[in-house]
Amino acid sequence: MLIAFNKPFGVLSQFTDKGTEGSPRLTLSDFIDLPGVYPAGRLDRDSEGLLLLTDDGRLQSRIADPRHKTEKTYLAQVEGLPEPDALGAFRRGLDLKDGRTRPAKVRQVDTPEDLWERDPPVRYRKTVPDCWLEVGLREGKNRQVRRMTAAIGHPTLRLIRIRIGDWSLGDLAPGTWREVSR
C-alpha cells in the first residue's frame, strides 16, 4: 500500500510524539488510522505538503534514501526578490555548514492559485516584498530548502512539498490522504 498525505503545518512526520511534556503536538496518528504504514522520508513540522507513507520497506527505502536520488519539488515563499545571480548560485550548489549541496533546480513562479490558507498565517510585512520559488532537489539534508534560501539572503516564509518523484500533491486538501499507485 502507498498513500499520499497532505501534511498540514505543525504536524510531526511520525505517529507518536516523544518530545516535550505538556500539550501534545499533532502527529500522523491524528489524521491516518491505517496499521502498518510508515512515512517514506520526513517533512519538518513547520513545512506542509506531500508526505508518502507505505507498508513496503523496499519502496520506503527507494523513495527516502538519497542514494536513489528521487527528486522532491517544493514551493517556497521567500522574503524579498532574489536576483538572477543568487538563483544561479542556488542552481550550482551552495556551501552549508554540513557541506556543499548538489546542484538544484530553482525558478521564480507566480503565486500558486487555489493555495489553502495556512494556520497560523504567514506574517506579512508591507515594506518587504516576497515571492514564490519552485525548488527541485535530489538530496535531503536537514531543512535544506530553508537553509539554501537563507544562504542566498532570502529566508523561507512558507514551504510546501508538491512532488516526490512521480507522485504529486495535486488537489489533495490539507489533513487528507488517498491511496496512490506504486
C-alpha atoms as a PDB file:
ATOM      1  CA  MET A   1       0.000   0.000   0.000  1.00  0.00           C
ATOM      2  CA  LEU A   2       1.160   3.530  -0.782  1.00  0.00           C
ATOM      3  CA  ILE A   3      -0.684   6.624   0.352  1.00  0.00           C
ATOM      4  CA  ALA A   4      -0.194  10.331  -0.311  1.00  0.00           C
ATOM      5  CA  PHE A   5      -0.907  12.640   2.628  1.00  0.00           C
ATOM      6  CA  ASN A   6      -1.089  16.437   2.606  1.00  0.00           C
ATOM      7  CA  LYS A   7       0.669  17.169   5.886  1.00  0.00           C
ATOM      8  CA  PRO A   8      -0.580  20.378   7.477  1.00  0.00           C
ATOM      9  CA  PHE A   9       1.687  22.950   9.124  1.00  0.00           C
ATOM     10  CA  GLY A  10       2.521  21.985  12.722  1.00  0.00           C
ATOM     11  CA  VAL A  11       2.122  18.219  12.312  1.00  0.00           C
ATOM     12  CA  LEU A  12       5.023  15.883  13.116  1.00  0.00           C
ATOM     13  CA  SER A  13       6.010  13.355  10.398  1.00  0.00           C
ATOM     14  CA  GLN A  14       5.672  10.462  12.855  1.00  0.00           C
ATOM     15  CA  PHE A  15       2.854   8.614  14.584  1.00  0.00           C
ATOM     16  CA  THR A  16       3.829   9.396  18.193  1.00  0.00           C
ATOM     17  CA  ASP A  17       5.181  12.450  19.989  1.00  0.00           C
ATOM     18  CA  LYS A  18       8.066  11.602  22.270  1.00  0.00           C
ATOM     19  CA  GLY A  19       9.014  15.263  22.633  1.00  0.00           C
ATOM     20  CA  THR A  20       8.056  17.894  25.124  1.00  0.00           C
ATOM     21  CA  GLU A  21       5.817  17.412  28.112  1.00  0.00           C
ATOM     22  CA  GLY A  22       2.633  19.402  28.411  1.00  0.00           C
ATOM     23  CA  SER A  23       0.337  19.890  25.465  1.00  0.00           C
ATOM     24  CA  PRO A  24       0.833  17.120  22.917  1.00  0.00           C
ATOM     25  CA  ARG A  25       1.736  18.035  19.356  1.00  0.00           C
ATOM     26  CA  LEU A  26      -0.232  16.781  16.372  1.00  0.00           C
ATOM     27  CA  THR A  27       1.156  13.650  14.713  1.00  0.00           C
ATOM     28  CA  LEU A  28       0.252  11.469  11.743  1.00  0.00           C
ATOM     29  CA  SER A  29      -1.978   9.374  14.025  1.00  0.00           C
ATOM     30  CA  ASP A  30      -4.313  12.368  14.341  1.00  0.00           C
ATOM     31  CA  PHE A  31      -5.060  12.031  10.601  1.00  0.00           C
ATOM     32  CA  ILE A  32      -4.229   8.477   9.483  1.00  0.00           C
ATOM     33  CA  ASP A  33      -5.645   5.332  11.081  1.00  0.00           C
ATOM     34  CA  LEU A  34      -4.025   2.622   8.964  1.00  0.00           C
ATOM     35  CA  PRO A  35      -1.967  -0.097  10.640  1.00  0.00           C
ATOM     36  CA  GLY A  36       1.485  -0.871   9.305  1.00  0.00           C
ATOM     37  CA  VAL A  37       2.187   2.219   7.167  1.00  0.00           C
ATOM     38  CA  TYR A  38       5.231   4.379   7.794  1.00  0.00           C
ATOM     39  CA  PRO A  39       6.497   7.622   6.280  1.00  0.00           C
ATOM     40  CA  ALA A  40       8.897   7.345   3.348  1.00  0.00           C
ATOM     41  CA  GLY A  41      11.022  10.289   4.392  1.00  0.00           C
ATOM     42  CA  ARG A  42      10.273  13.269   6.574  1.00  0.00           C
ATOM     43  CA  LEU A  43       8.808  16.726   6.321  1.00  0.00           C
ATOM     44  CA  ASP A  44       9.602  19.251   9.039  1.00  0.00           C
ATOM     45  CA  ARG A  45       6.885  20.238  11.482  1.00  0.00           C
ATOM     46  CA  ASP A  46       6.810  23.775  10.052  1.00  0.00           C
ATOM     47  CA  SER A  47       6.602  22.564   6.436  1.00  0.00           C
ATOM     48  CA  GLU A  48       3.492  21.433   4.592  1.00  0.00           C
ATOM     49  CA  GLY A  49       2.530  19.224   1.716  1.00  0.00           C
ATOM     50  CA  LEU A  50       3.172  15.815   0.255  1.00  0.00           C
ATOM     51  CA  LEU A  51       4.267  13.002   2.514  1.00  0.00           C
ATOM     52  CA  LEU A  52       4.212   9.421   1.211  1.00  0.00           C
ATOM     53  CA  LEU A  53       3.525   6.520   3.550  1.00  0.00           C
ATOM     54  CA  THR A  54       3.819   2.819   2.756  1.00  0.00           C
ATOM     55  CA  ASP A  55       3.757  -0.644   4.298  1.00  0.00           C
ATOM     56  CA  ASP A  56       6.536  -1.786   1.891  1.00  0.00           C
ATOM     57  CA  GLY A  57      10.042  -1.424   3.362  1.00  0.00           C
ATOM     58  CA  ARG A  58      11.796  -1.643  -0.012  1.00  0.00           C
ATOM     59  CA  LEU A  59       9.574   1.036  -1.517  1.00  0.00           C
ATOM     60  CA  GLN A  60      10.054   3.186   1.574  1.00  0.00           C
ATOM     61  CA  SER A  61      13.837   2.945   1.130  1.00  0.00           C
ATOM     62  CA  ARG A  62      13.680   3.655  -2.611  1.00  0.00           C
ATOM     63  CA  ILE A  63      11.656   6.821  -2.004  1.00  0.00           C
ATOM     64  CA  ALA A  64      13.520   8.135   1.042  1.00  0.00           C
ATOM     65  CA  ASP A  65      17.161   7.081   0.591  1.00  0.00           C
ATOM     66  CA  PRO A  66      19.257   9.861  -1.017  1.00  0.00           C
ATOM     67  CA  ARG A  67      21.270   7.218  -2.904  1.00  0.00           C
ATOM     68  CA  HIS A  68      18.252   6.687  -5.153  1.00  0.00           C
ATOM     69  CA  LYS A  69      18.167  10.426  -5.987  1.00  0.00           C
ATOM     70  CA  THR A  70      14.371  10.704  -6.077  1.00  0.00           C
ATOM     71  CA  GLU A  71      13.645  14.338  -6.920  1.00  0.00           C
ATOM     72  CA  LYS A  72      11.492  16.275  -4.485  1.00  0.00           C
ATOM     73  CA  THR A  73       9.831  19.503  -5.605  1.00  0.00           C
ATOM     74  CA  TYR A  74       8.839  22.330  -3.285  1.00  0.00           C
ATOM     75  CA  LEU A  75       7.128  25.689  -3.440  1.00  0.00           C
ATOM     76  CA  ALA A  76       8.943  28.126  -1.188  1.00  0.00           C
ATOM     77  CA  GLN A  77       7.579  31.545  -0.339  1.00  0.00           C
ATOM     78  CA  VAL A  78      10.658  33.636   0.380  1.00  0.00           C
ATOM     79  CA  GLU A  79      11.307  37.079   1.753  1.00  0.00           C
ATOM     80  CA  GLY A  80      12.487  39.525  -0.882  1.00  0.00           C
ATOM     81  CA  LEU A  81      13.028  39.145  -4.618  1.00  0.00           C
ATOM     82  CA  PRO A  82      16.132  37.070  -5.489  1.00  0.00           C
ATOM     83  CA  GLU A  83      18.473  38.426  -8.170  1.00  0.00           C
ATOM     84  CA  PRO A  84      19.471  36.151 -11.089  1.00  0.00           C
ATOM     85  CA  ASP A  85      22.978  35.736  -9.587  1.00  0.00           C
ATOM     86  CA  ALA A  86      21.504  34.414  -6.327  1.00  0.00           C
ATOM     87  CA  LEU A  87      19.369  31.880  -8.197  1.00  0.00           C
ATOM     88  CA  GLY A  88      22.428  30.897 -10.270  1.00  0.00           C
ATOM     89  CA  ALA A  89      24.374  30.152  -7.083  1.00  0.00           C
ATOM     90  CA  PHE A  90      21.419  28.092  -5.856  1.00  0.00           C
ATOM     91  CA  ARG A  91      21.486  26.066  -9.099  1.00  0.00           C
ATOM     92  CA  ARG A  92      25.243  25.400  -8.865  1.00  0.00           C
ATOM     93  CA  GLY A  93      25.104  24.281  -5.233  1.00  0.00           C
ATOM     94  CA  LEU A  94      25.752  26.155  -2.018  1.00  0.00           C
ATOM     95  CA  ASP A  95      28.167  25.705   0.864  1.00  0.00           C
ATOM     96  CA  LEU A  96      26.227  24.990   4.039  1.00  0.00           C
ATOM     97  CA  LYS A  97      27.598  24.098   7.485  1.00  0.00           C
ATOM     98  CA  ASP A  98      27.310  20.375   6.728  1.00  0.00           C
ATOM     99  CA  GLY A  99      28.899  20.589   3.277  1.00  0.00           C
ATOM    100  CA  ARG A 100      28.152  21.612  -0.274  1.00  0.00           C
ATOM    101  CA  THR A 101      24.713  20.915  -1.706  1.00  0.00           C
ATOM    102  CA  ARG A 102      24.247  19.209  -5.032  1.00  0.00           C
ATOM    103  CA  PRO A 103      23.072  21.418  -7.870  1.00  0.00           C
ATOM    104  CA  ALA A 104      19.374  22.193  -7.507  1.00  0.00           C
ATOM    105  CA  LYS A 105      16.619  23.351  -9.791  1.00  0.00           C
ATOM    106  CA  VAL A 106      15.092  26.715  -8.911  1.00  0.00           C
ATOM    107  CA  ARG A 107      12.884  29.222 -10.670  1.00  0.00           C
ATOM    108  CA  GLN A 108      10.631  32.037  -9.617  1.00  0.00           C
ATOM    109  CA  VAL A 109       6.930  31.258 -10.137  1.00  0.00           C
ATOM    110  CA  ASP A 110       3.658  33.114  -9.793  1.00  0.00           C
ATOM    111  CA  THR A 111       1.787  32.900  -6.523  1.00  0.00           C
ATOM    112  CA  PRO A 112       0.117  29.462  -6.577  1.00  0.00           C
ATOM    113  CA  GLU A 113      -3.594  29.531  -7.393  1.00  0.00           C
ATOM    114  CA  ASP A 114      -6.008  27.706  -5.107  1.00  0.00           C
ATOM    115  CA  LEU A 115      -3.463  27.601  -2.286  1.00  0.00           C
ATOM    116  CA  TRP A 116      -5.042  26.846   1.081  1.00  0.00           C
ATOM    117  CA  GLU A 117      -4.644  29.273   3.964  1.00  0.00           C
ATOM    118  CA  ARG A 118      -2.002  28.329   6.480  1.00  0.00           C
ATOM    119  CA  ASP A 119      -2.867  28.217  10.169  1.00  0.00           C
ATOM    120  CA  PRO A 120      -1.265  30.269  11.606  1.00  0.00           C
ATOM    121  CA  PRO A 121      -0.905  32.588   8.631  1.00  0.00           C
ATOM    122  CA  VAL A 122       2.481  33.735   7.368  1.00  0.00           C
ATOM    123  CA  ARG A 123       3.427  37.121   8.831  1.00  0.00           C
ATOM    124  CA  TYR A 124       3.259  39.715   6.069  1.00  0.00           C
ATOM    125  CA  ARG A 125       5.292  42.915   6.116  1.00  0.00           C
ATOM    126  CA  LYS A 126       4.137  45.820   3.975  1.00  0.00           C
ATOM    127  CA  THR A 127       7.693  47.086   3.427  1.00  0.00           C
ATOM    128  CA  VAL A 128       9.282  43.755   2.446  1.00  0.00           C
ATOM    129  CA  PRO A 129       8.126  42.028  -0.753  1.00  0.00           C
ATOM    130  CA  ASP A 130       8.021  38.275  -1.077  1.00  0.00           C
ATOM    131  CA  CYS A 131       7.886  35.811  -3.951  1.00  0.00           C
ATOM    132  CA  TRP A 132       7.494  32.113  -4.650  1.00  0.00           C
ATOM    133  CA  LEU A 133      10.239  29.783  -5.851  1.00  0.00           C
ATOM    134  CA  GLU A 134       9.853  26.280  -7.234  1.00  0.00           C
ATOM    135  CA  VAL A 135      12.773  24.189  -5.983  1.00  0.00           C
ATOM    136  CA  GLY A 136      13.796  20.685  -7.092  1.00  0.00           C
ATOM    137  CA  LEU A 137      16.286  18.661  -5.028  1.00  0.00           C
ATOM    138  CA  ARG A 138      17.772  15.184  -5.319  1.00  0.00           C
ATOM    139  CA  GLU A 139      19.202  15.056  -1.816  1.00  0.00           C
ATOM    140  CA  GLY A 140      17.753  15.512   1.630  1.00  0.00           C
ATOM    141  CA  LYS A 141      19.917  17.449   4.029  1.00  0.00           C
ATOM    142  CA  ASN A 142      18.119  18.556   7.180  1.00  0.00           C
ATOM    143  CA  ARG A 143      15.986  21.667   6.474  1.00  0.00           C
ATOM    144  CA  GLN A 144      17.854  22.029   3.188  1.00  0.00           C
ATOM    145  CA  VAL A 145      15.494  24.310   1.241  1.00  0.00           C
ATOM    146  CA  ARG A 146      15.219  26.696   4.188  1.00  0.00           C
ATOM    147  CA  ARG A 147      18.987  26.776   4.671  1.00  0.00           C
ATOM    148  CA  MET A 148      19.625  27.284   0.948  1.00  0.00           C
ATOM    149  CA  THR A 149      17.180  30.199   0.626  1.00  0.00           C
ATOM    150  CA  ALA A 150      18.711  31.777   3.746  1.00  0.00           C
ATOM    151  CA  ALA A 151      22.211  31.310   2.264  1.00  0.00           C
ATOM    152  CA  ILE A 152      21.234  33.425  -0.752  1.00  0.00           C
ATOM    153  CA  GLY A 153      19.728  36.094   1.525  1.00  0.00           C
ATOM    154  CA  HIS A 154      16.035  35.202   1.148  1.00  0.00           C
ATOM    155  CA  PRO A 155      14.635  33.369   4.184  1.00  0.00           C
ATOM    156  CA  THR A 156      11.768  30.953   3.645  1.00  0.00           C
ATOM    157  CA  LEU A 157       8.405  32.110   4.973  1.00  0.00           C
ATOM    158  CA  ARG A 158       6.383  29.075   3.878  1.00  0.00           C
ATOM    159  CA  LEU A 159       7.437  25.726   2.438  1.00  0.00           C
ATOM    160  CA  ILE A 160       5.169  23.242   0.651  1.00  0.00           C
ATOM    161  CA  ARG A 161       6.339  19.974  -0.905  1.00  0.00           C
ATOM    162  CA  ILE A 162       4.297  19.367  -4.049  1.00  0.00           C
ATOM    163  CA  ARG A 163       6.022  16.364  -5.655  1.00  0.00           C
ATOM    164  CA  ILE A 164       8.151  13.312  -4.812  1.00  0.00           C
ATOM    165  CA  GLY A 165       9.368  11.552  -7.943  1.00  0.00           C
ATOM    166  CA  ASP A 166       6.281  10.658  -9.988  1.00  0.00           C
ATOM    167  CA  TRP A 167       3.820  11.332  -7.152  1.00  0.00           C
ATOM    168  CA  SER A 168       2.272  14.776  -6.772  1.00  0.00           C
ATOM    169  CA  LEU A 169       0.099  16.523  -4.221  1.00  0.00           C
ATOM    170  CA  GLY A 170      -2.489  17.501  -6.811  1.00  0.00           C
ATOM    171  CA  ASP A 171      -5.748  18.721  -5.262  1.00  0.00           C
ATOM    172  CA  LEU A 172      -5.349  16.802  -2.001  1.00  0.00           C
ATOM    173  CA  ALA A 173      -6.630  19.022   0.822  1.00  0.00           C
ATOM    174  CA  PRO A 174      -4.515  19.558   3.964  1.00  0.00           C
ATOM    175  CA  GLY A 175      -5.012  16.789   6.521  1.00  0.00           C
ATOM    176  CA  THR A 176      -6.393  14.316   3.975  1.00  0.00           C
ATOM    177  CA  TRP A 177      -4.877  11.290   2.266  1.00  0.00           C
ATOM    178  CA  ARG A 178      -5.565   8.932  -0.615  1.00  0.00           C
ATOM    179  CA  GLU A 179      -4.136   5.670  -1.856  1.00  0.00           C
ATOM    180  CA  VAL A 180      -1.885   6.087  -4.914  1.00  0.00           C
ATOM    181  CA  SER A 181      -0.377   3.616  -7.370  1.00  0.00           C
ATOM    182  CA  ARG A 182       3.154   2.443  -6.877  1.00  0.00           C
END
